[in-house]
Amino acid sequence: MSGLIAREPMAQVEARHNGPWFSGGNKRYFGTRLPATALVIGEYSYFWSSEKNFDGTRRLYTVRRQCRESGSIETVGEFQQYASVEQAKAAIRKIAEGAT
């Protein structure tokens, strides 16, 4: 993976996606929170998402990436792999370091 590393507003990521992932109803149901920007690395936009765990007792974090061409979104690693936003951000930084 190589290429320009830049930031883009999450609104652009959301606009590229052709599906229900970012719908208001889905975000409310899962209690989803998203950052203001995504990190563009090559052909992908990387971002974290957070959702409450299944019993609603904790908020956990997942690293995601979106293919900039197709708009499809996939999980990087495991769903709700990170206990804090700092851990998820560190994982994205590590991906960026490997791309340079």
PDB file of N, CA and C in Angstrom:
ATOM      1  N   MET A   1       0.854  -1.170   0.000  1.00  0.00           N
ATOM      2  CA  MET A   1       0.000   0.000   0.000  1.00  0.00           C
ATOM      3  C   MET A   1       0.892   1.223   0.000  1.00  0.00           C
ATOM      4  N   SER A   2       0.679   2.106  -0.925  1.00  0.00           N
ATOM      5  CA  SER A   2       1.426   3.352  -0.923  1.00  0.00           C
ATOM      6  C   SER A   2       0.558   4.413  -1.569  1.00  0.00           C
ATOM      7  N   GLY A   3       0.952   5.648  -1.352  1.00  0.00           N
ATOM      8  CA  GLY A   3       0.210   6.735  -1.963  1.00  0.00           C
ATOM      9  C   GLY A   3       0.085   7.898  -1.024  1.00  0.00           C
ATOM     10  N   LEU A   4      -0.532   8.906  -1.522  1.00  0.00           N
ATOM     11  CA  LEU A   4      -0.722  10.137  -0.782  1.00  0.00           C
ATOM     12  C   LEU A   4      -1.484   9.875   0.507  1.00  0.00           C
ATOM     13  N   ILE A   5      -1.011  10.478   1.580  1.00  0.00           N
ATOM     14  CA  ILE A   5      -1.735  10.413   2.848  1.00  0.00           C
ATOM     15  C   ILE A   5      -2.292  11.804   3.114  1.00  0.00           C
ATOM     16  N   ALA A   6      -3.591  11.890   3.270  1.00  0.00           N
ATOM     17  CA  ALA A   6      -4.276  13.170   3.485  1.00  0.00           C
ATOM     18  C   ALA A   6      -5.502  12.926   4.353  1.00  0.00           C
ATOM     19  N   ARG A   7      -6.169  13.985   4.714  1.00  0.00           N
ATOM     20  CA  ARG A   7      -7.419  13.883   5.467  1.00  0.00           C
ATOM     21  C   ARG A   7      -8.569  14.324   4.569  1.00  0.00           C
ATOM     22  N   GLU A   8      -9.733  13.751   4.830  1.00  0.00           N
ATOM     23  CA  GLU A   8     -10.938  14.194   4.133  1.00  0.00           C
ATOM     24  C   GLU A   8     -12.097  14.195   5.123  1.00  0.00           C
ATOM     25  N   PRO A   9     -13.057  15.085   4.944  1.00  0.00           N
ATOM     26  CA  PRO A   9     -14.211  15.126   5.837  1.00  0.00           C
ATOM     27  C   PRO A   9     -15.019  13.835   5.764  1.00  0.00           C
ATOM     28  N   MET A  10     -15.540  13.394   6.896  1.00  0.00           N
ATOM     29  CA  MET A  10     -16.382  12.198   6.911  1.00  0.00           C
ATOM     30  C   MET A  10     -17.607  12.376   6.017  1.00  0.00           C
ATOM     31  N   ALA A  11     -18.054  13.598   5.811  1.00  0.00           N
ATOM     32  CA  ALA A  11     -19.195  13.832   4.916  1.00  0.00           C
ATOM     33  C   ALA A  11     -18.903  13.304   3.518  1.00  0.00           C
ATOM     34  N   GLN A  12     -17.650  13.402   3.066  1.00  0.00           N
ATOM     35  CA  GLN A  12     -17.285  12.870   1.747  1.00  0.00           C
ATOM     36  C   GLN A  12     -17.312  11.347   1.758  1.00  0.00           C
ATOM     37  N   VAL A  13     -16.839  10.748   2.843  1.00  0.00           N
ATOM     38  CA  VAL A  13     -16.873   9.294   2.972  1.00  0.00           C
ATOM     39  C   VAL A  13     -18.331   8.823   2.939  1.00  0.00           C
ATOM     40  N   GLU A  14     -19.167   9.496   3.708  1.00  0.00           N
ATOM     41  CA  GLU A  14     -20.588   9.122   3.764  1.00  0.00           C
ATOM     42  C   GLU A  14     -21.259   9.272   2.396  1.00  0.00           C
ATOM     43  N   ALA A  15     -20.926  10.338   1.671  1.00  0.00           N
ATOM     44  CA  ALA A  15     -21.551  10.582   0.362  1.00  0.00           C
ATOM     45  C   ALA A  15     -21.153   9.521  -0.662  1.00  0.00           C
ATOM     46  N   ARG A  16     -19.955   8.965  -0.555  1.00  0.00           N
ATOM     47  CA  ARG A  16     -19.480   7.940  -1.499  1.00  0.00           C
ATOM     48  C   ARG A  16     -20.130   6.582  -1.268  1.00  0.00           C
ATOM     49  N   HIS A  17     -20.602   6.339  -0.060  1.00  0.00           N
ATOM     50  CA  HIS A  17     -21.161   5.028   0.274  1.00  0.00           C
ATOM     51  C   HIS A  17     -22.584   4.903  -0.247  1.00  0.00           C
ATOM     52  N   ASN A  18     -22.848   3.809  -0.958  1.00  0.00           N
ATOM     53  CA  ASN A  18     -24.173   3.591  -1.533  1.00  0.00           C
ATOM     54  C   ASN A  18     -24.861   2.466  -0.761  1.00  0.00           C
ATOM     55  N   GLY A  19     -25.290   2.779   0.442  1.00  0.00           N
ATOM     56  CA  GLY A  19     -25.939   1.769   1.268  1.00  0.00           C
ATOM     57  C   GLY A  19     -26.388   2.371   2.587  1.00  0.00           C
ATOM     58  N   PRO A  20     -26.881   1.531   3.485  1.00  0.00           N
ATOM     59  CA  PRO A  20     -27.464   2.027   4.732  1.00  0.00           C
ATOM     60  C   PRO A  20     -26.464   2.277   5.869  1.00  0.00           C
ATOM     61  N   TRP A  21     -25.172   2.038   5.653  1.00  0.00           N
ATOM     62  CA  TRP A  21     -24.195   2.090   6.743  1.00  0.00           C
ATOM     63  C   TRP A  21     -24.271   3.397   7.531  1.00  0.00           C
ATOM     64  N   PHE A  22     -24.391   4.531   6.847  1.00  0.00           N
ATOM     65  CA  PHE A  22     -24.381   5.834   7.508  1.00  0.00           C
ATOM     66  C   PHE A  22     -25.772   6.418   7.742  1.00  0.00           C
ATOM     67  N   SER A  23     -26.805   5.637   7.544  1.00  0.00           N
ATOM     68  CA  SER A  23     -28.155   6.187   7.717  1.00  0.00           C
ATOM     69  C   SER A  23     -28.373   6.599   9.173  1.00  0.00           C
ATOM     70  N   GLY A  24     -29.168   7.627   9.352  1.00  0.00           N
ATOM     71  CA  GLY A  24     -29.473   8.096  10.700  1.00  0.00           C
ATOM     72  C   GLY A  24     -30.069   7.010  11.574  1.00  0.00           C
ATOM     73  N   GLY A  25     -30.942   6.193  10.992  1.00  0.00           N
ATOM     74  CA  GLY A  25     -31.561   5.111  11.752  1.00  0.00           C
ATOM     75  C   GLY A  25     -30.552   4.078  12.231  1.00  0.00           C
ATOM     76  N   ASN A  26     -29.640   3.700  11.346  1.00  0.00           N
ATOM     77  CA  ASN A  26     -28.607   2.731  11.738  1.00  0.00           C
ATOM     78  C   ASN A  26     -27.682   3.314  12.795  1.00  0.00           C
ATOM     79  N   LYS A  27     -27.272   4.561  12.613  1.00  0.00           N
ATOM     80  CA  LYS A  27     -26.368   5.180  13.594  1.00  0.00           C
ATOM     81  C   LYS A  27     -27.046   5.303  14.959  1.00  0.00           C
ATOM     82  N   ARG A  28     -28.327   5.624  14.967  1.00  0.00           N
ATOM     83  CA  ARG A  28     -29.057   5.706  16.242  1.00  0.00           C
ATOM     84  C   ARG A  28     -29.190   4.330  16.884  1.00  0.00           C
ATOM     85  N   TYR A  29     -29.565   3.332  16.100  1.00  0.00           N
ATOM     86  CA  TYR A  29     -29.779   1.987  16.625  1.00  0.00           C
ATOM     87  C   TYR A  29     -28.510   1.440  17.281  1.00  0.00           C
ATOM     88  N   PHE A  30     -27.379   1.619  16.607  1.00  0.00           N
ATOM     89  CA  PHE A  30     -26.118   1.085  17.123  1.00  0.00           C
ATOM     90  C   PHE A  30     -25.385   2.066  18.031  1.00  0.00           C
ATOM     91  N   GLY A  31     -25.904   3.289  18.159  1.00  0.00           N
ATOM     92  CA  GLY A  31     -25.229   4.303  18.961  1.00  0.00           C
ATOM     93  C   GLY A  31     -23.883   4.687  18.367  1.00  0.00           C
ATOM     94  N   THR A  32     -23.805   4.691  17.041  1.00  0.00           N
ATOM     95  CA  THR A  32     -22.541   4.904  16.339  1.00  0.00           C
ATOM     96  C   THR A  32     -22.053   6.338  16.481  1.00  0.00           C
ATOM     97  N   ARG A  33     -20.761   6.447  16.724  1.00  0.00           N
ATOM     98  CA  ARG A  33     -20.060   7.734  16.697  1.00  0.00           C
ATOM     99  C   ARG A  33     -18.934   7.624  15.690  1.00  0.00           C
ATOM    100  N   LEU A  34     -18.676   8.743  15.000  1.00  0.00           N
ATOM    101  CA  LEU A  34     -17.646   8.778  13.965  1.00  0.00           C
ATOM    102  C   LEU A  34     -16.781  10.009  14.143  1.00  0.00           C
ATOM    103  N   PRO A  35     -15.548   9.969  13.632  1.00  0.00           N
ATOM    104  CA  PRO A  35     -14.700  11.154  13.699  1.00  0.00           C
ATOM    105  C   PRO A  35     -15.154  12.197  12.679  1.00  0.00           C
ATOM    106  N   ALA A  36     -14.579  13.373  12.756  1.00  0.00           N
ATOM    107  CA  ALA A  36     -14.901  14.428  11.800  1.00  0.00           C
ATOM    108  C   ALA A  36     -14.206  14.203  10.460  1.00  0.00           C
ATOM    109  N   THR A  37     -13.065  13.519  10.491  1.00  0.00           N
ATOM    110  CA  THR A  37     -12.299  13.292   9.264  1.00  0.00           C
ATOM    111  C   THR A  37     -11.831  11.845   9.174  1.00  0.00           C
ATOM    112  N   ALA A  38     -11.524  11.440   7.950  1.00  0.00           N
ATOM    113  CA  ALA A  38     -10.924  10.137   7.682  1.00  0.00           C
ATOM    114  C   ALA A  38      -9.526  10.369   7.141  1.00  0.00           C
ATOM    115  N   LEU A  39      -8.672   9.375   7.261  1.00  0.00           N
ATOM    116  CA  LEU A  39      -7.308   9.456   6.750  1.00  0.00           C
ATOM    117  C   LEU A  39      -7.257   8.717   5.419  1.00  0.00           C
ATOM    118  N   VAL A  40      -6.893   9.423   4.358  1.00  0.00           N
ATOM    119  CA  VAL A  40      -6.799   8.838   3.025  1.00  0.00           C
ATOM    120  C   VAL A  40      -5.394   8.270   2.854  1.00  0.00           C
ATOM    121  N   ILE A  41      -5.345   6.962   2.617  1.00  0.00           N
ATOM    122  CA  ILE A  41      -4.075   6.273   2.384  1.00  0.00           C
ATOM    123  C   ILE A  41      -4.251   5.464   1.108  1.00  0.00           C
ATOM    124  N   GLY A  42      -3.610   5.905   0.052  1.00  0.00           N
ATOM    125  CA  GLY A  42      -3.756   5.218  -1.227  1.00  0.00           C
ATOM    126  C   GLY A  42      -5.196   5.243  -1.692  1.00  0.00           C
ATOM    127  N   GLU A  43      -5.749   4.069  -1.977  1.00  0.00           N
ATOM    128  CA  GLU A  43      -7.105   3.989  -2.516  1.00  0.00           C
ATOM    129  C   GLU A  43      -8.186   3.871  -1.440  1.00  0.00           C
ATOM    130  N   TYR A  44      -7.793   3.966  -0.171  1.00  0.00           N
ATOM    131  CA  TYR A  44      -8.743   3.789   0.931  1.00  0.00           C
ATOM    132  C   TYR A  44      -8.805   5.015   1.846  1.00  0.00           C
ATOM    133  N   SER A  45      -9.962   5.198   2.452  1.00  0.00           N
ATOM    134  CA  SER A  45     -10.152   6.176   3.524  1.00  0.00           C
ATOM    135  C   SER A  45     -10.345   5.392   4.814  1.00  0.00           C
ATOM    136  N   TYR A  46      -9.481   5.627   5.792  1.00  0.00           N
ATOM    137  CA  TYR A  46      -9.513   4.922   7.071  1.00  0.00           C
ATOM    138  C   TYR A  46     -10.139   5.805   8.135  1.00  0.00           C
ATOM    139  N   PHE A  47     -10.968   5.196   8.986  1.00  0.00           N
ATOM    140  CA  PHE A  47     -11.588   5.930  10.077  1.00  0.00           C
ATOM    141  C   PHE A  47     -11.950   4.945  11.173  1.00  0.00           C
ATOM    142  N   TRP A  48     -12.242   5.464  12.347  1.00  0.00           N
ATOM    143  CA  TRP A  48     -12.723   4.620  13.438  1.00  0.00           C
ATOM    144  C   TRP A  48     -14.226   4.832  13.575  1.00  0.00           C
ATOM    145  N   SER A  49     -14.875   3.848  14.107  1.00  0.00           N
ATOM    146  CA  SER A  49     -16.272   4.003  14.506  1.00  0.00           C
ATOM    147  C   SER A  49     -16.381   3.462  15.920  1.00  0.00           C
ATOM    148  N   SER A  50     -17.338   3.955  16.648  1.00  0.00           N
ATOM    149  CA  SER A  50     -17.579   3.390  17.980  1.00  0.00           C
ATOM    150  C   SER A  50     -19.058   3.086  18.115  1.00  0.00           C
ATOM    151  N   GLU A  51     -19.303   1.977  18.776  1.00  0.00           N
ATOM    152  CA  GLU A  51     -20.666   1.547  19.062  1.00  0.00           C
ATOM    153  C   GLU A  51     -20.685   0.998  20.477  1.00  0.00           C
ATOM    154  N   LYS A  52     -21.861   1.030  21.050  1.00  0.00           N
ATOM    155  CA  LYS A  52     -21.997   0.373  22.348  1.00  0.00           C
ATOM    156  C   LYS A  52     -21.922  -1.137  22.130  1.00  0.00           C
ATOM    157  N   ASN A  53     -21.357  -1.839  23.118  1.00  0.00           N
ATOM    158  CA  ASN A  53     -21.315  -3.296  22.981  1.00  0.00           C
ATOM    159  C   ASN A  53     -22.735  -3.852  23.048  1.00  0.00           C
ATOM    160  N   PHE A  54     -22.879  -5.140  22.852  1.00  0.00           N
ATOM    161  CA  PHE A  54     -24.214  -5.715  22.669  1.00  0.00           C
ATOM    162  C   PHE A  54     -25.115  -5.609  23.888  1.00  0.00           C
ATOM    163  N   ASP A  55     -24.564  -5.519  25.082  1.00  0.00           N
ATOM    164  CA  ASP A  55     -25.446  -5.343  26.243  1.00  0.00           C
ATOM    165  C   ASP A  55     -25.517  -3.876  26.689  1.00  0.00           C
ATOM    166  N   GLY A  56     -24.875  -2.974  25.934  1.00  0.00           N
ATOM    167  CA  GLY A  56     -24.977  -1.544  26.187  1.00  0.00           C
ATOM    168  C   GLY A  56     -24.191  -1.031  27.384  1.00  0.00           C
ATOM    169  N   THR A  57     -23.280  -1.839  27.906  1.00  0.00           N
ATOM    170  CA  THR A  57     -22.551  -1.434  29.102  1.00  0.00           C
ATOM    171  C   THR A  57     -21.242  -0.706  28.810  1.00  0.00           C
ATOM    172  N   ARG A  58     -20.709  -0.845  27.588  1.00  0.00           N
ATOM    173  CA  ARG A  58     -19.427  -0.222  27.235  1.00  0.00           C
ATOM    174  C   ARG A  58     -19.466   0.281  25.807  1.00  0.00           C
ATOM    175  N   ARG A  59     -18.643   1.270  25.529  1.00  0.00           N
ATOM    176  CA  ARG A  59     -18.445   1.770  24.167  1.00  0.00           C
ATOM    177  C   ARG A  59     -17.099   1.232  23.695  1.00  0.00           C
ATOM    178  N   LEU A  60     -17.096   0.587  22.527  1.00  0.00           N
ATOM    179  CA  LEU A  60     -15.875   0.013  21.972  1.00  0.00           C
ATOM    180  C   LEU A  60     -15.642   0.573  20.572  1.00  0.00           C
ATOM    181  N   TYR A  61     -14.421   0.402  20.060  1.00  0.00           N
ATOM    182  CA  TYR A  61     -14.002   1.064  18.825  1.00  0.00           C
ATOM    183  C   TYR A  61     -13.524   0.058  17.790  1.00  0.00           C
ATOM    184  N   THR A  62     -13.813   0.375  16.530  1.00  0.00           N
ATOM    185  CA  THR A  62     -13.462  -0.470  15.398  1.00  0.00           C
ATOM    186  C   THR A  62     -12.779   0.402  14.351  1.00  0.00           C
ATOM    187  N   VAL A  63     -11.733  -0.121  13.706  1.00  0.00           N
ATOM    188  CA  VAL A  63     -11.110   0.568  12.580  1.00  0.00           C
ATOM    189  C   VAL A  63     -11.795   0.078  11.306  1.00  0.00           C
ATOM    190  N   ARG A  64     -12.141   1.024  10.451  1.00  0.00           N
ATOM    191  CA  ARG A  64     -12.833   0.730   9.186  1.00  0.00           C
ATOM    192  C   ARG A  64     -12.038   1.345   8.043  1.00  0.00           C
ATOM    193  N   ARG A  65     -12.283   0.827   6.852  1.00  0.00           N
ATOM    194  CA  ARG A  65     -11.744   1.481   5.668  1.00  0.00           C
ATOM    195  C   ARG A  65     -12.783   1.432   4.566  1.00  0.00           C
ATOM    196  N   GLN A  66     -12.759   2.490   3.765  1.00  0.00           N
ATOM    197  CA  GLN A  66     -13.678   2.581   2.640  1.00  0.00           C
ATOM    198  C   GLN A  66     -12.866   2.624   1.354  1.00  0.00           C
ATOM    199  N   CYS A  67     -13.223   1.791   0.398  1.00  0.00           N
ATOM    200  CA  CYS A  67     -12.625   1.861  -0.931  1.00  0.00           C
ATOM    201  C   CYS A  67     -13.139   3.145  -1.574  1.00  0.00           C
ATOM    202  N   ARG A  68     -12.228   4.008  -1.971  1.00  0.00           N
ATOM    203  CA  ARG A  68     -12.637   5.302  -2.521  1.00  0.00           C
ATOM    204  C   ARG A  68     -13.292   5.157  -3.890  1.00  0.00           C
ATOM    205  N   GLU A  69     -13.013   4.073  -4.589  1.00  0.00           N
ATOM    206  CA  GLU A  69     -13.613   3.875  -5.906  1.00  0.00           C
ATOM    207  C   GLU A  69     -15.040   3.329  -5.807  1.00  0.00           C
ATOM    208  N   SER A  70     -15.219   2.269  -5.028  1.00  0.00           N
ATOM    209  CA  SER A  70     -16.539   1.621  -4.959  1.00  0.00           C
ATOM    210  C   SER A  70     -17.427   2.155  -3.832  1.00  0.00           C
ATOM    211  N   GLY A  71     -16.815   2.749  -2.801  1.00  0.00           N
ATOM    212  CA  GLY A  71     -17.585   3.223  -1.654  1.00  0.00           C
ATOM    213  C   GLY A  71     -17.847   2.155  -0.612  1.00  0.00           C
ATOM    214  N   SER A  72     -17.415   0.913  -0.886  1.00  0.00           N
ATOM    215  CA  SER A  72     -17.676  -0.169   0.071  1.00  0.00           C
ATOM    216  C   SER A  72     -16.835   0.010   1.335  1.00  0.00           C
ATOM    217  N   ILE A  73     -17.384  -0.437   2.447  1.00  0.00           N
ATOM    218  CA  ILE A  73     -16.731  -0.288   3.756  1.00  0.00           C
ATOM    219  C   ILE A  73     -16.456  -1.666   4.327  1.00  0.00           C
ATOM    220  N   GLU A  74     -15.275  -1.818   4.904  1.00  0.00           N
ATOM    221  CA  GLU A  74     -14.939  -3.078   5.558  1.00  0.00           C
ATOM    222  C   GLU A  74     -14.243  -2.800   6.879  1.00  0.00           C
ATOM    223  N   THR A  75     -14.312  -3.775   7.759  1.00  0.00           N
ATOM    224  CA  THR A  75     -13.659  -3.703   9.057  1.00  0.00           C
ATOM    225  C   THR A  75     -12.203  -4.113   8.896  1.00  0.00           C
ATOM    226  N   VAL A  76     -11.309  -3.370   9.533  1.00  0.00           N
ATOM    227  CA  VAL A  76      -9.886  -3.699   9.556  1.00  0.00           C
ATOM    228  C   VAL A  76      -9.613  -4.315  10.923  1.00  0.00           C
ATOM    229  N   GLY A  77      -9.218  -5.567  10.961  1.00  0.00           N
ATOM    230  CA  GLY A  77      -9.065  -6.257  12.243  1.00  0.00           C
ATOM    231  C   GLY A  77     -10.406  -6.809  12.683  1.00  0.00           C
ATOM    232  N   GLU A  78     -10.654  -6.742  13.979  1.00  0.00           N
ATOM    233  CA  GLU A  78     -11.880  -7.297  14.552  1.00  0.00           C
ATOM    234  C   GLU A  78     -12.882  -6.198  14.890  1.00  0.00           C
ATOM    235  N   PHE A  79     -14.148  -6.527  14.824  1.00  0.00           N
ATOM    236  CA  PHE A  79     -15.205  -5.609  15.249  1.00  0.00           C
ATOM    237  C   PHE A  79     -15.046  -5.331  16.740  1.00  0.00           C
ATOM    238  N   GLN A  80     -15.100  -4.054  17.111  1.00  0.00           N
ATOM    239  CA  GLN A  80     -14.975  -3.590  18.500  1.00  0.00           C
ATOM    240  C   GLN A  80     -13.680  -4.097  19.153  1.00  0.00           C
ATOM    241  N   GLN A  81     -12.609  -4.088  18.382  1.00  0.00           N
ATOM    242  CA  GLN A  81     -11.309  -4.581  18.838  1.00  0.00           C
ATOM    243  C   GLN A  81     -10.662  -3.677  19.879  1.00  0.00           C
ATOM    244  N   TYR A  82     -10.988  -2.392  19.880  1.00  0.00           N
ATOM    245  CA  TYR A  82     -10.267  -1.426  20.712  1.00  0.00           C
ATOM    246  C   TYR A  82     -11.143  -0.888  21.837  1.00  0.00           C
ATOM    247  N   ALA A  83     -10.531  -0.769  23.007  1.00  0.00           N
ATOM    248  CA  ALA A  83     -11.251  -0.297  24.193  1.00  0.00           C
ATOM    249  C   ALA A  83     -11.321   1.225  24.259  1.00  0.00           C
ATOM    250  N   SER A  84     -10.496   1.923  23.477  1.00  0.00           N
ATOM    251  CA  SER A  84     -10.498   3.392  23.532  1.00  0.00           C
ATOM    252  C   SER A  84     -10.280   3.973  22.140  1.00  0.00           C
ATOM    253  N   VAL A  85     -10.697   5.213  21.980  1.00  0.00           N
ATOM    254  CA  VAL A  85     -10.479   5.903  20.710  1.00  0.00           C
ATOM    255  C   VAL A  85      -8.986   6.088  20.469  1.00  0.00           C
ATOM    256  N   GLU A  86      -8.209   6.267  21.525  1.00  0.00           N
ATOM    257  CA  GLU A  86      -6.762   6.423  21.368  1.00  0.00           C
ATOM    258  C   GLU A  86      -6.139   5.173  20.759  1.00  0.00           C
ATOM    259  N   GLN A  87      -6.605   3.994  21.162  1.00  0.00           N
ATOM    260  CA  GLN A  87      -6.087   2.741  20.596  1.00  0.00           C
ATOM    261  C   GLN A  87      -6.456   2.615  19.116  1.00  0.00           C
ATOM    262  N   ALA A  88      -7.672   2.982  18.773  1.00  0.00           N
ATOM    263  CA  ALA A  88      -8.103   2.910  17.371  1.00  0.00           C
ATOM    264  C   ALA A  88      -7.307   3.894  16.516  1.00  0.00           C
ATOM    265  N   LYS A  89      -7.090   5.105  17.013  1.00  0.00           N
ATOM    266  CA  LYS A  89      -6.292   6.088  16.280  1.00  0.00           C
ATOM    267  C   LYS A  89      -4.862   5.601  16.104  1.00  0.00           C
ATOM    268  N   ALA A  90      -4.305   4.977  17.128  1.00  0.00           N
ATOM    269  CA  ALA A  90      -2.939   4.451  17.043  1.00  0.00           C
ATOM    270  C   ALA A  90      -2.854   3.362  15.969  1.00  0.00           C
ATOM    271  N   ALA A  91      -3.873   2.529  15.861  1.00  0.00           N
ATOM    272  CA  ALA A  91      -3.894   1.489  14.834  1.00  0.00           C
ATOM    273  C   ALA A  91      -3.898   2.108  13.436  1.00  0.00           C
ATOM    274  N   ILE A  92      -4.661   3.174  13.244  1.00  0.00           N
ATOM    275  CA  ILE A  92      -4.694   3.854  11.943  1.00  0.00           C
ATOM    276  C   ILE A  92      -3.347   4.509  11.659  1.00  0.00           C
ATOM    277  N   ARG A  93      -2.726   5.115  12.673  1.00  0.00           N
ATOM    278  CA  ARG A  93      -1.394   5.703  12.481  1.00  0.00           C
ATOM    279  C   ARG A  93      -0.382   4.643  12.052  1.00  0.00           C
ATOM    280  N   LYS A  94      -0.470   3.469  12.645  1.00  0.00           N
ATOM    281  CA  LYS A  94       0.430   2.369  12.299  1.00  0.00           C
ATOM    282  C   LYS A  94       0.235   1.964  10.830  1.00  0.00           C
ATOM    283  N   ILE A  95      -1.008   1.919  10.381  1.00  0.00           N
ATOM    284  CA  ILE A  95      -1.288   1.624   8.971  1.00  0.00           C
ATOM    285  C   ILE A  95      -0.651   2.701   8.087  1.00  0.00           C
ATOM    286  N   ALA A  96      -0.802   3.955   8.480  1.00  0.00           N
ATOM    287  CA  ALA A  96      -0.231   5.069   7.700  1.00  0.00           C
ATOM    288  C   ALA A  96       1.291   4.982   7.665  1.00  0.00           C
ATOM    289  N   GLU A  97       1.905   4.642   8.776  1.00  0.00           N
ATOM    290  CA  GLU A  97       3.371   4.524   8.815  1.00  0.00           C
ATOM    291  C   GLU A  97       3.848   3.424   7.871  1.00  0.00           C
ATOM    292  N   GLY A  98       3.091   2.355   7.762  1.00  0.00           N
ATOM    293  CA  GLY A  98       3.453   1.273   6.853  1.00  0.00           C
ATOM    294  C   GLY A  98       3.269   1.632   5.385  1.00  0.00           C
ATOM    295  N   ALA A  99       2.503   2.691   5.126  1.00  0.00           N
ATOM    296  CA  ALA A  99       2.219   3.091   3.751  1.00  0.00           C
ATOM    297  C   ALA A  99       3.248   4.058   3.204  1.00  0.00           C
ATOM    298  N   THR A 100       4.059   4.633   4.074  1.00  0.00           N
ATOM    299  CA  THR A 100       5.013   5.642   3.602  1.00  0.00           C
ATOM    300  C   THR A 100       6.348   5.046   3.278  1.00  0.00           C
TER     301      THR A 100
END
